[in-house]
């Protein structure tokens, strides 16, 4: 009887050991699957999942995930090819439009010059008013065409991004100086708070200048007359202004392509979309929020040092 109990104990111990080994191997396989999925989703690679274990169920799970990864890769390729064709089509279209549009602008200018030579009458006043409307619409179309062309060319993922050491304080100050006259023309009083510490990181200076310029241009469109610009010690840049013409939903959609609101009739809806694209290419984050009538746009980049 004692002998039987010893055999039973040994069998139970063997079963427990086998189960522990099986659990260990399954956990190892699960970890390999998790790491593989994370690497495949974050990197552009043709790798598939491989596991070192021979557990039938785990290998079946890996095979099923590989099937879905192949499908996801195929969908991503289709998306990238379609996005590339769309950018090429937009670039070609905007290029084709610019030539006749330039001619239209030239003819409008000639008509204004000819009209200025005619004695002023009620009829000439009406014609001048119509010409002004046509000129405004043509200028808006020209701006949209230029933005379309720049967007199609500049947001291409194949574009090489050259990084350099930059001081955020200096780039921000330069951008404010460029837009200061426009800000004052729109009767906006800026309040500028820039950290006294030099905030350094590695970015593409031209792209950063474009990002800041588009954000400042957005503030000019929506501000009720104020603008607060802050560069904190941790490198976060915040642009805040009262914007009674917006609400939370509209503020959340400002980064959407071609999205505009009625208060920004001259907007193409591409400025902040380009800013978002460039920010993400540089590894940063940009977001907007709307609280108590104030629009906040915050901008952050990695690798900040003082």
C-alpha atoms as a PDB file:
ATOM      1  CA  UNK A   1       0.000   0.000   0.000  1.00  0.00           C
ATOM      2  CA  UNK A   2       2.840   2.311   0.913  1.00  0.00           C
ATOM      3  CA  UNK A   3       4.501   1.342  -2.359  1.00  0.00           C
ATOM      4  CA  UNK A   4       1.385   2.318  -4.321  1.00  0.00           C
ATOM      5  CA  UNK A   5       1.247   5.676  -2.551  1.00  0.00           C
ATOM      6  CA  UNK A   6       4.891   6.345  -3.437  1.00  0.00           C
ATOM      7  CA  UNK A   7       4.223   5.544  -7.090  1.00  0.00           C
ATOM      8  CA  UNK A   8       1.156   7.803  -7.095  1.00  0.00           C
ATOM      9  CA  UNK A   9       3.154  10.650  -5.544  1.00  0.00           C
ATOM     10  CA  UNK A  10       5.901  10.233  -8.133  1.00  0.00           C
ATOM     11  CA  UNK A  11       3.315  10.231 -10.945  1.00  0.00           C
ATOM     12  CA  UNK A  12       1.688  13.385  -9.568  1.00  0.00           C
ATOM     13  CA  UNK A  13       5.060  15.089  -9.252  1.00  0.00           C
ATOM     14  CA  UNK A  14       5.900  14.143 -12.852  1.00  0.00           C
ATOM     15  CA  UNK A  15       2.539  15.494 -14.047  1.00  0.00           C
ATOM     16  CA  UNK A  16       3.072  18.750 -12.162  1.00  0.00           C
ATOM     17  CA  UNK A  17       6.587  19.111 -13.580  1.00  0.00           C
ATOM     18  CA  UNK A  18       5.309  18.461 -17.108  1.00  0.00           C
ATOM     19  CA  UNK A  19       2.507  20.968 -16.643  1.00  0.00           C
ATOM     20  CA  UNK A  20       4.920  23.580 -15.308  1.00  0.00           C
ATOM     21  CA  UNK A  21       7.235  23.022 -18.263  1.00  0.00           C
ATOM     22  CA  UNK A  22       4.276  23.287 -20.659  1.00  0.00           C
ATOM     23  CA  UNK A  23       3.089  26.502 -18.983  1.00  0.00           C
ATOM     24  CA  UNK A  24       6.612  27.923 -19.172  1.00  0.00           C
ATOM     25  CA  UNK A  25       6.893  27.074 -22.882  1.00  0.00           C
ATOM     26  CA  UNK A  26       3.439  28.549 -23.583  1.00  0.00           C
ATOM     27  CA  UNK A  27       4.360  31.752 -21.733  1.00  0.00           C
ATOM     28  CA  UNK A  28       7.614  31.924 -23.700  1.00  0.00           C
ATOM     29  CA  UNK A  29       5.736  31.420 -26.970  1.00  0.00           C
ATOM     30  CA  UNK A  30       3.163  34.062 -25.983  1.00  0.00           C
ATOM     31  CA  UNK A  31       5.978  36.493 -25.213  1.00  0.00           C
ATOM     32  CA  UNK A  32       7.601  35.793 -28.589  1.00  0.00           C
ATOM     33  CA  UNK A  33       4.267  36.356 -30.322  1.00  0.00           C
ATOM     34  CA  UNK A  34       3.723  39.619 -28.448  1.00  0.00           C
ATOM     35  CA  UNK A  35       7.198  40.944 -29.268  1.00  0.00           C
ATOM     36  CA  UNK A  36       6.867  39.851 -32.887  1.00  0.00           C
ATOM     37  CA  UNK A  37       3.498  41.536 -33.362  1.00  0.00           C
ATOM     38  CA  UNK A  38       4.783  44.740 -31.761  1.00  0.00           C
ATOM     39  CA  UNK A  39       7.843  44.809 -34.016  1.00  0.00           C
ATOM     40  CA  UNK A  40       5.888  44.042 -37.180  1.00  0.00           C
ATOM     41  CA  UNK A  41       3.273  46.722 -36.486  1.00  0.00           C
ATOM     42  CA  UNK A  42       5.794  49.458 -35.632  1.00  0.00           C
ATOM     43  CA  UNK A  43       8.310  48.719 -38.397  1.00  0.00           C
ATOM     44  CA  UNK A  44       7.924  48.345 -42.137  1.00  0.00           C
ATOM     45  CA  UNK A  45       9.049  44.759 -42.458  1.00  0.00           C
ATOM     46  CA  UNK A  46       8.041  41.602 -44.288  1.00  0.00           C
ATOM     47  CA  UNK A  47       8.719  39.450 -41.241  1.00  0.00           C
ATOM     48  CA  UNK A  48       6.197  36.935 -40.003  1.00  0.00           C
ATOM     49  CA  UNK A  49       5.740  35.502 -36.533  1.00  0.00           C
ATOM     50  CA  UNK A  50       8.005  32.635 -35.513  1.00  0.00           C
ATOM     51  CA  UNK A  51       8.042  30.805 -32.180  1.00  0.00           C
ATOM     52  CA  UNK A  52      10.619  28.433 -30.741  1.00  0.00           C
ATOM     53  CA  UNK A  53       8.119  26.138 -29.017  1.00  0.00           C
ATOM     54  CA  UNK A  54       6.281  23.182 -30.545  1.00  0.00           C
ATOM     55  CA  UNK A  55       2.972  23.528 -28.726  1.00  0.00           C
ATOM     56  CA  UNK A  56       0.253  22.760 -31.259  1.00  0.00           C
ATOM     57  CA  UNK A  57      -2.196  25.427 -30.086  1.00  0.00           C
ATOM     58  CA  UNK A  58       0.404  28.197 -29.860  1.00  0.00           C
ATOM     59  CA  UNK A  59       1.704  27.369 -33.324  1.00  0.00           C
ATOM     60  CA  UNK A  60      -1.869  27.417 -34.591  1.00  0.00           C
ATOM     61  CA  UNK A  61      -2.321  30.840 -32.983  1.00  0.00           C
ATOM     62  CA  UNK A  62       0.874  32.118 -34.631  1.00  0.00           C
ATOM     63  CA  UNK A  63      -0.263  30.783 -38.018  1.00  0.00           C
ATOM     64  CA  UNK A  64      -3.628  32.528 -37.663  1.00  0.00           C
ATOM     65  CA  UNK A  65      -1.935  35.807 -36.742  1.00  0.00           C
ATOM     66  CA  UNK A  66       0.415  35.465 -39.722  1.00  0.00           C
ATOM     67  CA  UNK A  67      -2.595  35.131 -42.006  1.00  0.00           C
ATOM     68  CA  UNK A  68      -4.058  38.357 -40.610  1.00  0.00           C
ATOM     69  CA  UNK A  69      -0.662  40.080 -40.829  1.00  0.00           C
ATOM     70  CA  UNK A  70      -0.393  39.172 -44.521  1.00  0.00           C
ATOM     71  CA  UNK A  71      -3.856  40.614 -45.072  1.00  0.00           C
ATOM     72  CA  UNK A  72      -2.951  43.759 -43.122  1.00  0.00           C
ATOM     73  CA  UNK A  73       0.277  44.127 -45.135  1.00  0.00           C
ATOM     74  CA  UNK A  74      -1.668  43.848 -48.380  1.00  0.00           C
ATOM     75  CA  UNK A  75      -4.167  46.489 -47.220  1.00  0.00           C
ATOM     76  CA  UNK A  76      -1.331  48.794 -46.128  1.00  0.00           C
ATOM     77  CA  UNK A  77       0.354  48.445 -49.536  1.00  0.00           C
ATOM     78  CA  UNK A  78      -2.907  49.288 -51.278  1.00  0.00           C
ATOM     79  CA  UNK A  79      -3.377  52.306 -49.019  1.00  0.00           C
ATOM     80  CA  UNK A  80       0.166  53.581 -49.598  1.00  0.00           C
ATOM     81  CA  UNK A  81      -0.114  53.107 -53.357  1.00  0.00           C
ATOM     82  CA  UNK A  82      -3.483  54.879 -53.390  1.00  0.00           C
ATOM     83  CA  UNK A  83      -2.156  57.690 -51.201  1.00  0.00           C
ATOM     84  CA  UNK A  84       0.860  58.106 -53.488  1.00  0.00           C
ATOM     85  CA  UNK A  85      -1.363  58.229 -56.583  1.00  0.00           C
ATOM     86  CA  UNK A  86      -3.604  60.762 -54.855  1.00  0.00           C
ATOM     87  CA  UNK A  87      -0.660  63.016 -54.020  1.00  0.00           C
ATOM     88  CA  UNK A  88       0.622  62.772 -57.579  1.00  0.00           C
ATOM     89  CA  UNK A  89      -2.842  63.559 -58.946  1.00  0.00           C
ATOM     90  CA  UNK A  90      -3.221  66.565 -56.642  1.00  0.00           C
ATOM     91  CA  UNK A  91       0.246  67.846 -57.571  1.00  0.00           C
ATOM     92  CA  UNK A  92      -0.465  67.454 -61.298  1.00  0.00           C
ATOM     93  CA  UNK A  93      -3.914  69.012 -60.969  1.00  0.00           C
ATOM     94  CA  UNK A  94      -2.675  72.015 -59.024  1.00  0.00           C
ATOM     95  CA  UNK A  95       0.148  72.470 -61.531  1.00  0.00           C
ATOM     96  CA  UNK A  96      -2.306  72.379 -64.447  1.00  0.00           C
ATOM     97  CA  UNK A  97      -4.615  74.874 -62.748  1.00  0.00           C
ATOM     98  CA  UNK A  98      -1.903  77.414 -61.927  1.00  0.00           C
ATOM     99  CA  UNK A  99      -1.170  78.370 -65.553  1.00  0.00           C
ATOM    100  CA  UNK A 100      -4.730  79.391 -66.589  1.00  0.00           C
ATOM    101  CA  UNK A 101      -5.295  80.873 -63.129  1.00  0.00           C
ATOM    102  CA  UNK A 102      -2.282  83.132 -63.587  1.00  0.00           C
ATOM    103  CA  UNK A 103      -3.727  84.251 -66.905  1.00  0.00           C
ATOM    104  CA  UNK A 104      -7.090  85.020 -65.260  1.00  0.00           C
ATOM    105  CA  UNK A 105      -5.361  87.138 -62.602  1.00  0.00           C
ATOM    106  CA  UNK A 106      -3.487  88.997 -65.350  1.00  0.00           C
ATOM    107  CA  UNK A 107      -6.660  89.756 -67.284  1.00  0.00           C
ATOM    108  CA  UNK A 108      -8.403  90.952 -64.111  1.00  0.00           C
ATOM    109  CA  UNK A 109      -5.540  93.351 -63.464  1.00  0.00           C
ATOM    110  CA  UNK A 110      -5.766  94.645 -67.048  1.00  0.00           C
ATOM    111  CA  UNK A 111      -9.517  95.170 -66.648  1.00  0.00           C
ATOM    112  CA  UNK A 112      -8.930  97.180 -63.466  1.00  0.00           C
ATOM    113  CA  UNK A 113      -6.372  99.345 -65.246  1.00  0.00           C
ATOM    114  CA  UNK A 114      -8.724  99.957 -68.183  1.00  0.00           C
ATOM    115  CA  UNK A 115     -11.594 100.731 -65.820  1.00  0.00           C
ATOM    116  CA  UNK A 116      -9.485 103.302 -63.964  1.00  0.00           C
ATOM    117  CA  UNK A 117      -9.190 105.315 -67.213  1.00  0.00           C
ATOM    118  CA  UNK A 118     -12.989 105.563 -67.633  1.00  0.00           C
ATOM    119  CA  UNK A 119     -14.765 108.475 -65.945  1.00  0.00           C
ATOM    120  CA  UNK A 120     -16.427 107.325 -62.724  1.00  0.00           C
ATOM    121  CA  UNK A 121     -20.139 106.608 -63.152  1.00  0.00           C
ATOM    122  CA  UNK A 122     -22.717 104.384 -61.509  1.00  0.00           C
ATOM    123  CA  UNK A 123     -22.041 101.688 -64.089  1.00  0.00           C
ATOM    124  CA  UNK A 124     -18.278 101.798 -63.549  1.00  0.00           C
ATOM    125  CA  UNK A 125     -18.782 101.615 -59.776  1.00  0.00           C
ATOM    126  CA  UNK A 126     -20.834  98.443 -60.185  1.00  0.00           C
ATOM    127  CA  UNK A 127     -18.242  96.930 -62.536  1.00  0.00           C
ATOM    128  CA  UNK A 128     -15.455  97.825 -60.091  1.00  0.00           C
ATOM    129  CA  UNK A 129     -17.381  96.125 -57.287  1.00  0.00           C
ATOM    130  CA  UNK A 130     -17.840  92.985 -59.374  1.00  0.00           C
ATOM    131  CA  UNK A 131     -14.154  93.005 -60.327  1.00  0.00           C
ATOM    132  CA  UNK A 132     -13.211  93.233 -56.664  1.00  0.00           C
ATOM    133  CA  UNK A 133     -15.393  90.209 -55.860  1.00  0.00           C
ATOM    134  CA  UNK A 134     -13.863  88.270 -58.758  1.00  0.00           C
ATOM    135  CA  UNK A 135     -10.360  89.227 -57.637  1.00  0.00           C
ATOM    136  CA  UNK A 136     -11.012  88.060 -54.064  1.00  0.00           C
ATOM    137  CA  UNK A 137     -12.373  84.715 -55.266  1.00  0.00           C
ATOM    138  CA  UNK A 138      -9.476  84.289 -57.686  1.00  0.00           C
ATOM    139  CA  UNK A 139      -6.933  85.040 -54.950  1.00  0.00           C
ATOM    140  CA  UNK A 140      -8.604  82.478 -52.679  1.00  0.00           C
ATOM    141  CA  UNK A 141      -8.467  79.893 -55.471  1.00  0.00           C
ATOM    142  CA  UNK A 142      -4.809  80.718 -56.097  1.00  0.00           C
ATOM    143  CA  UNK A 143      -4.025  80.241 -52.415  1.00  0.00           C
ATOM    144  CA  UNK A 144      -5.834  76.906 -52.333  1.00  0.00           C
ATOM    145  CA  UNK A 145      -3.998  75.727 -55.463  1.00  0.00           C
ATOM    146  CA  UNK A 146      -0.620  76.645 -53.970  1.00  0.00           C
ATOM    147  CA  UNK A 147      -1.455  74.899 -50.694  1.00  0.00           C
ATOM    148  CA  UNK A 148      -2.584  71.795 -52.555  1.00  0.00           C
ATOM    149  CA  UNK A 149       0.675  71.683 -54.470  1.00  0.00           C
ATOM    150  CA  UNK A 150       2.803  72.192 -51.362  1.00  0.00           C
ATOM    151  CA  UNK A 151       0.815  69.637 -49.409  1.00  0.00           C
ATOM    152  CA  UNK A 152       1.152  66.998 -52.117  1.00  0.00           C
ATOM    153  CA  UNK A 153       4.899  67.552 -52.397  1.00  0.00           C
ATOM    154  CA  UNK A 154       5.916  68.204 -48.811  1.00  0.00           C
ATOM    155  CA  UNK A 155       4.017  65.508 -46.883  1.00  0.00           C
ATOM    156  CA  UNK A 156       5.428  62.675 -48.973  1.00  0.00           C
ATOM    157  CA  UNK A 157       6.712  59.935 -46.666  1.00  0.00           C
ATOM    158  CA  UNK A 158       9.603  59.313 -49.057  1.00  0.00           C
ATOM    159  CA  UNK A 159      10.937  62.796 -48.388  1.00  0.00           C
ATOM    160  CA  UNK A 160      14.257  62.637 -46.518  1.00  0.00           C
ATOM    161  CA  UNK A 161      14.136  64.513 -43.231  1.00  0.00           C
ATOM    162  CA  UNK A 162      17.521  65.980 -42.315  1.00  0.00           C
ATOM    163  CA  UNK A 163      17.842  66.651 -38.593  1.00  0.00           C
ATOM    164  CA  UNK A 164      20.017  69.285 -36.993  1.00  0.00           C
ATOM    165  CA  UNK A 165      20.597  70.760 -33.548  1.00  0.00           C
ATOM    166  CA  UNK A 166      18.082  73.542 -32.943  1.00  0.00           C
ATOM    167  CA  UNK A 167      17.227  75.834 -30.053  1.00  0.00           C
ATOM    168  CA  UNK A 168      13.442  76.042 -29.788  1.00  0.00           C
ATOM    169  CA  UNK A 169      13.641  79.502 -28.207  1.00  0.00           C
ATOM    170  CA  UNK A 170      15.390  80.943 -31.263  1.00  0.00           C
ATOM    171  CA  UNK A 171      13.152  79.292 -33.869  1.00  0.00           C
ATOM    172  CA  UNK A 172      10.009  80.358 -32.019  1.00  0.00           C
ATOM    173  CA  UNK A 173      11.258  83.939 -31.690  1.00  0.00           C
ATOM    174  CA  UNK A 174      12.097  84.036 -35.420  1.00  0.00           C
ATOM    175  CA  UNK A 175       8.636  82.735 -36.352  1.00  0.00           C
ATOM    176  CA  UNK A 176       6.931  85.305 -34.119  1.00  0.00           C
ATOM    177  CA  UNK A 177       9.036  88.068 -35.696  1.00  0.00           C
ATOM    178  CA  UNK A 178       7.996  86.964 -39.206  1.00  0.00           C
ATOM    179  CA  UNK A 179       4.290  86.983 -38.293  1.00  0.00           C
ATOM    180  CA  UNK A 180       4.373  89.947 -35.899  1.00  0.00           C
ATOM    181  CA  UNK A 181       3.312  92.512 -38.498  1.00  0.00           C
ATOM    182  CA  UNK A 182       0.380  90.327 -39.618  1.00  0.00           C
ATOM    183  CA  UNK A 183      -0.622  89.755 -35.991  1.00  0.00           C
ATOM    184  CA  UNK A 184      -0.658  93.493 -35.266  1.00  0.00           C
ATOM    185  CA  UNK A 185      -2.505  94.248 -38.530  1.00  0.00           C
ATOM    186  CA  UNK A 186      -5.301  91.986 -37.313  1.00  0.00           C
ATOM    187  CA  UNK A 187      -5.428  93.974 -34.038  1.00  0.00           C
ATOM    188  CA  UNK A 188      -4.165  91.027 -31.999  1.00  0.00           C
ATOM    189  CA  UNK A 189      -2.139  91.776 -28.877  1.00  0.00           C
ATOM    190  CA  UNK A 190       0.304  88.916 -28.256  1.00  0.00           C
ATOM    191  CA  UNK A 191       1.567  87.947 -24.817  1.00  0.00           C
ATOM    192  CA  UNK A 192       4.827  86.024 -25.144  1.00  0.00           C
ATOM    193  CA  UNK A 193       6.335  83.883 -22.387  1.00  0.00           C
ATOM    194  CA  UNK A 194       9.478  82.077 -23.521  1.00  0.00           C
ATOM    195  CA  UNK A 195      11.659  80.096 -21.118  1.00  0.00           C
ATOM    196  CA  UNK A 196      14.943  81.782 -20.217  1.00  0.00           C
ATOM    197  CA  UNK A 197      16.637  78.383 -20.497  1.00  0.00           C
ATOM    198  CA  UNK A 198      17.804  77.309 -23.941  1.00  0.00           C
ATOM    199  CA  UNK A 199      15.555  74.400 -24.962  1.00  0.00           C
ATOM    200  CA  UNK A 200      17.532  72.205 -27.356  1.00  0.00           C
ATOM    201  CA  UNK A 201      16.651  69.192 -29.489  1.00  0.00           C
ATOM    202  CA  UNK A 202      17.331  67.691 -32.927  1.00  0.00           C
ATOM    203  CA  UNK A 203      14.755  68.645 -35.571  1.00  0.00           C
ATOM    204  CA  UNK A 204      14.465  69.837 -39.139  1.00  0.00           C
ATOM    205  CA  UNK A 205      14.504  73.613 -38.752  1.00  0.00           C
ATOM    206  CA  UNK A 206      12.610  74.350 -41.969  1.00  0.00           C
ATOM    207  CA  UNK A 207       9.824  71.948 -41.050  1.00  0.00           C
ATOM    208  CA  UNK A 208       9.648  73.382 -37.531  1.00  0.00           C
ATOM    209  CA  UNK A 209       9.404  76.918 -38.918  1.00  0.00           C
ATOM    210  CA  UNK A 210       6.560  75.806 -41.197  1.00  0.00           C
ATOM    211  CA  UNK A 211       4.756  74.187 -38.265  1.00  0.00           C
ATOM    212  CA  UNK A 212       5.031  77.314 -36.122  1.00  0.00           C
ATOM    213  CA  UNK A 213       4.057  79.555 -39.043  1.00  0.00           C
ATOM    214  CA  UNK A 214       0.914  77.544 -39.726  1.00  0.00           C
ATOM    215  CA  UNK A 215      -0.064  77.605 -36.048  1.00  0.00           C
ATOM    216  CA  UNK A 216       0.421  81.382 -35.884  1.00  0.00           C
ATOM    217  CA  UNK A 217      -1.522  81.771 -39.123  1.00  0.00           C
ATOM    218  CA  UNK A 218      -4.335  79.740 -37.573  1.00  0.00           C
ATOM    219  CA  UNK A 219      -4.348  82.071 -34.554  1.00  0.00           C
ATOM    220  CA  UNK A 220      -4.718  85.080 -36.868  1.00  0.00           C
ATOM    221  CA  UNK A 221      -7.803  83.471 -38.466  1.00  0.00           C
ATOM    222  CA  UNK A 222      -9.646  82.567 -35.266  1.00  0.00           C
ATOM    223  CA  UNK A 223      -8.437  84.924 -32.532  1.00  0.00           C
ATOM    224  CA  UNK A 224     -10.855  87.410 -30.954  1.00  0.00           C
ATOM    225  CA  UNK A 225      -7.959  89.821 -30.427  1.00  0.00           C
ATOM    226  CA  UNK A 226      -5.600  88.043 -28.061  1.00  0.00           C
ATOM    227  CA  UNK A 227      -2.815  85.496 -28.376  1.00  0.00           C
ATOM    228  CA  UNK A 228      -0.682  83.956 -25.651  1.00  0.00           C
ATOM    229  CA  UNK A 229       2.465  82.096 -26.722  1.00  0.00           C
ATOM    230  CA  UNK A 230       4.321  80.011 -24.141  1.00  0.00           C
ATOM    231  CA  UNK A 231       7.494  77.939 -24.300  1.00  0.00           C
ATOM    232  CA  UNK A 232       7.842  76.005 -21.029  1.00  0.00           C
ATOM    233  CA  UNK A 233      11.055  74.662 -19.512  1.00  0.00           C
ATOM    234  CA  UNK A 234      10.085  71.125 -20.571  1.00  0.00           C
ATOM    235  CA  UNK A 235       9.910  72.206 -24.233  1.00  0.00           C
ATOM    236  CA  UNK A 236       6.115  72.298 -24.567  1.00  0.00           C
ATOM    237  CA  UNK A 237       4.840  75.148 -26.735  1.00  0.00           C
ATOM    238  CA  UNK A 238       1.287  76.364 -26.122  1.00  0.00           C
ATOM    239  CA  UNK A 239      -0.632  78.834 -28.293  1.00  0.00           C
ATOM    240  CA  UNK A 240      -3.843  80.095 -26.678  1.00  0.00           C
ATOM    241  CA  UNK A 241      -6.427  82.620 -27.850  1.00  0.00           C
ATOM    242  CA  UNK A 242     -10.109  83.366 -27.361  1.00  0.00           C
ATOM    243  CA  UNK A 243     -12.061  82.055 -30.358  1.00  0.00           C
ATOM    244  CA  UNK A 244     -15.776  82.736 -30.028  1.00  0.00           C
ATOM    245  CA  UNK A 245     -16.332  81.483 -33.582  1.00  0.00           C
ATOM    246  CA  UNK A 246     -15.364  77.926 -32.611  1.00  0.00           C
ATOM    247  CA  UNK A 247     -16.760  75.196 -30.409  1.00  0.00           C
ATOM    248  CA  UNK A 248     -15.298  71.949 -29.022  1.00  0.00           C
ATOM    249  CA  UNK A 249     -16.278  69.894 -32.078  1.00  0.00           C
ATOM    250  CA  UNK A 250     -14.805  72.377 -34.552  1.00  0.00           C
ATOM    251  CA  UNK A 251     -11.632  72.736 -32.485  1.00  0.00           C
ATOM    252  CA  UNK A 252     -11.200  68.960 -32.552  1.00  0.00           C
ATOM    253  CA  UNK A 253     -11.420  68.912 -36.351  1.00  0.00           C
ATOM    254  CA  UNK A 254      -8.940  71.706 -37.083  1.00  0.00           C
ATOM    255  CA  UNK A 255      -6.256  69.169 -38.049  1.00  0.00           C
ATOM    256  CA  UNK A 256      -8.513  67.441 -40.605  1.00  0.00           C
ATOM    257  CA  UNK A 257      -7.607  67.954 -44.259  1.00  0.00           C
ATOM    258  CA  UNK A 258      -9.578  70.757 -45.943  1.00  0.00           C
ATOM    259  CA  UNK A 259     -11.680  71.399 -42.828  1.00  0.00           C
ATOM    260  CA  UNK A 260     -12.691  75.041 -42.462  1.00  0.00           C
ATOM    261  CA  UNK A 261     -15.264  76.965 -40.469  1.00  0.00           C
ATOM    262  CA  UNK A 262     -17.342  79.893 -41.626  1.00  0.00           C
ATOM    263  CA  UNK A 263     -15.316  82.371 -39.587  1.00  0.00           C
ATOM    264  CA  UNK A 264     -12.250  81.514 -41.691  1.00  0.00           C
ATOM    265  CA  UNK A 265     -13.556  82.124 -45.196  1.00  0.00           C
ATOM    266  CA  UNK A 266     -10.028  82.603 -46.558  1.00  0.00           C
ATOM    267  CA  UNK A 267      -8.756  79.347 -45.102  1.00  0.00           C
ATOM    268  CA  UNK A 268      -7.828  76.401 -47.285  1.00  0.00           C
ATOM    269  CA  UNK A 269      -8.114  73.941 -44.412  1.00  0.00           C
ATOM    270  CA  UNK A 270      -4.577  72.643 -45.006  1.00  0.00           C
ATOM    271  CA  UNK A 271      -2.431  74.726 -42.644  1.00  0.00           C
ATOM    272  CA  UNK A 272      -2.869  72.725 -39.454  1.00  0.00           C
ATOM    273  CA  UNK A 273      -3.112  69.471 -41.383  1.00  0.00           C
ATOM    274  CA  UNK A 274       0.375  70.136 -42.770  1.00  0.00           C
ATOM    275  CA  UNK A 275       1.556  71.133 -39.279  1.00  0.00           C
ATOM    276  CA  UNK A 276       0.279  67.832 -37.889  1.00  0.00           C
ATOM    277  CA  UNK A 277       1.917  65.815 -40.688  1.00  0.00           C
ATOM    278  CA  UNK A 278       5.284  67.533 -40.184  1.00  0.00           C
ATOM    279  CA  UNK A 279       5.073  67.205 -36.389  1.00  0.00           C
ATOM    280  CA  UNK A 280       4.466  63.471 -36.628  1.00  0.00           C
ATOM    281  CA  UNK A 281       7.320  63.085 -39.141  1.00  0.00           C
ATOM    282  CA  UNK A 282       9.596  64.710 -36.562  1.00  0.00           C
ATOM    283  CA  UNK A 283       8.344  62.353 -33.840  1.00  0.00           C
ATOM    284  CA  UNK A 284       6.383  65.041 -31.997  1.00  0.00           C
ATOM    285  CA  UNK A 285       2.758  65.491 -30.970  1.00  0.00           C
ATOM    286  CA  UNK A 286       0.321  68.321 -31.635  1.00  0.00           C
ATOM    287  CA  UNK A 287      -3.216  68.615 -30.320  1.00  0.00           C
ATOM    288  CA  UNK A 288      -5.956  71.169 -29.734  1.00  0.00           C
ATOM    289  CA  UNK A 289      -8.545  71.660 -27.007  1.00  0.00           C
ATOM    290  CA  UNK A 290     -11.275  74.216 -26.428  1.00  0.00           C
ATOM    291  CA  UNK A 291     -12.193  75.360 -22.936  1.00  0.00           C
ATOM    292  CA  UNK A 292     -14.374  78.270 -21.858  1.00  0.00           C
ATOM    293  CA  UNK A 293     -14.085  80.019 -25.213  1.00  0.00           C
ATOM    294  CA  UNK A 294     -10.298  79.625 -25.451  1.00  0.00           C
ATOM    295  CA  UNK A 295      -8.545  77.552 -28.123  1.00  0.00           C
ATOM    296  CA  UNK A 296      -5.326  75.868 -26.962  1.00  0.00           C
ATOM    297  CA  UNK A 297      -2.849  74.284 -29.379  1.00  0.00           C
ATOM    298  CA  UNK A 298       0.047  72.444 -27.738  1.00  0.00           C
ATOM    299  CA  UNK A 299       3.190  71.214 -29.446  1.00  0.00           C
ATOM    300  CA  UNK A 300       5.794  68.772 -28.086  1.00  0.00           C
ATOM    301  CA  UNK A 301       8.953  67.185 -29.496  1.00  0.00           C
ATOM    302  CA  UNK A 302      11.145  64.373 -28.137  1.00  0.00           C
ATOM    303  CA  UNK A 303      14.775  64.624 -27.062  1.00  0.00           C
ATOM    304  CA  UNK A 304      14.432  67.932 -25.229  1.00  0.00           C
ATOM    305  CA  UNK A 305      17.480  69.093 -23.286  1.00  0.00           C
ATOM    306  CA  UNK A 306      18.517  72.324 -21.592  1.00  0.00           C
END
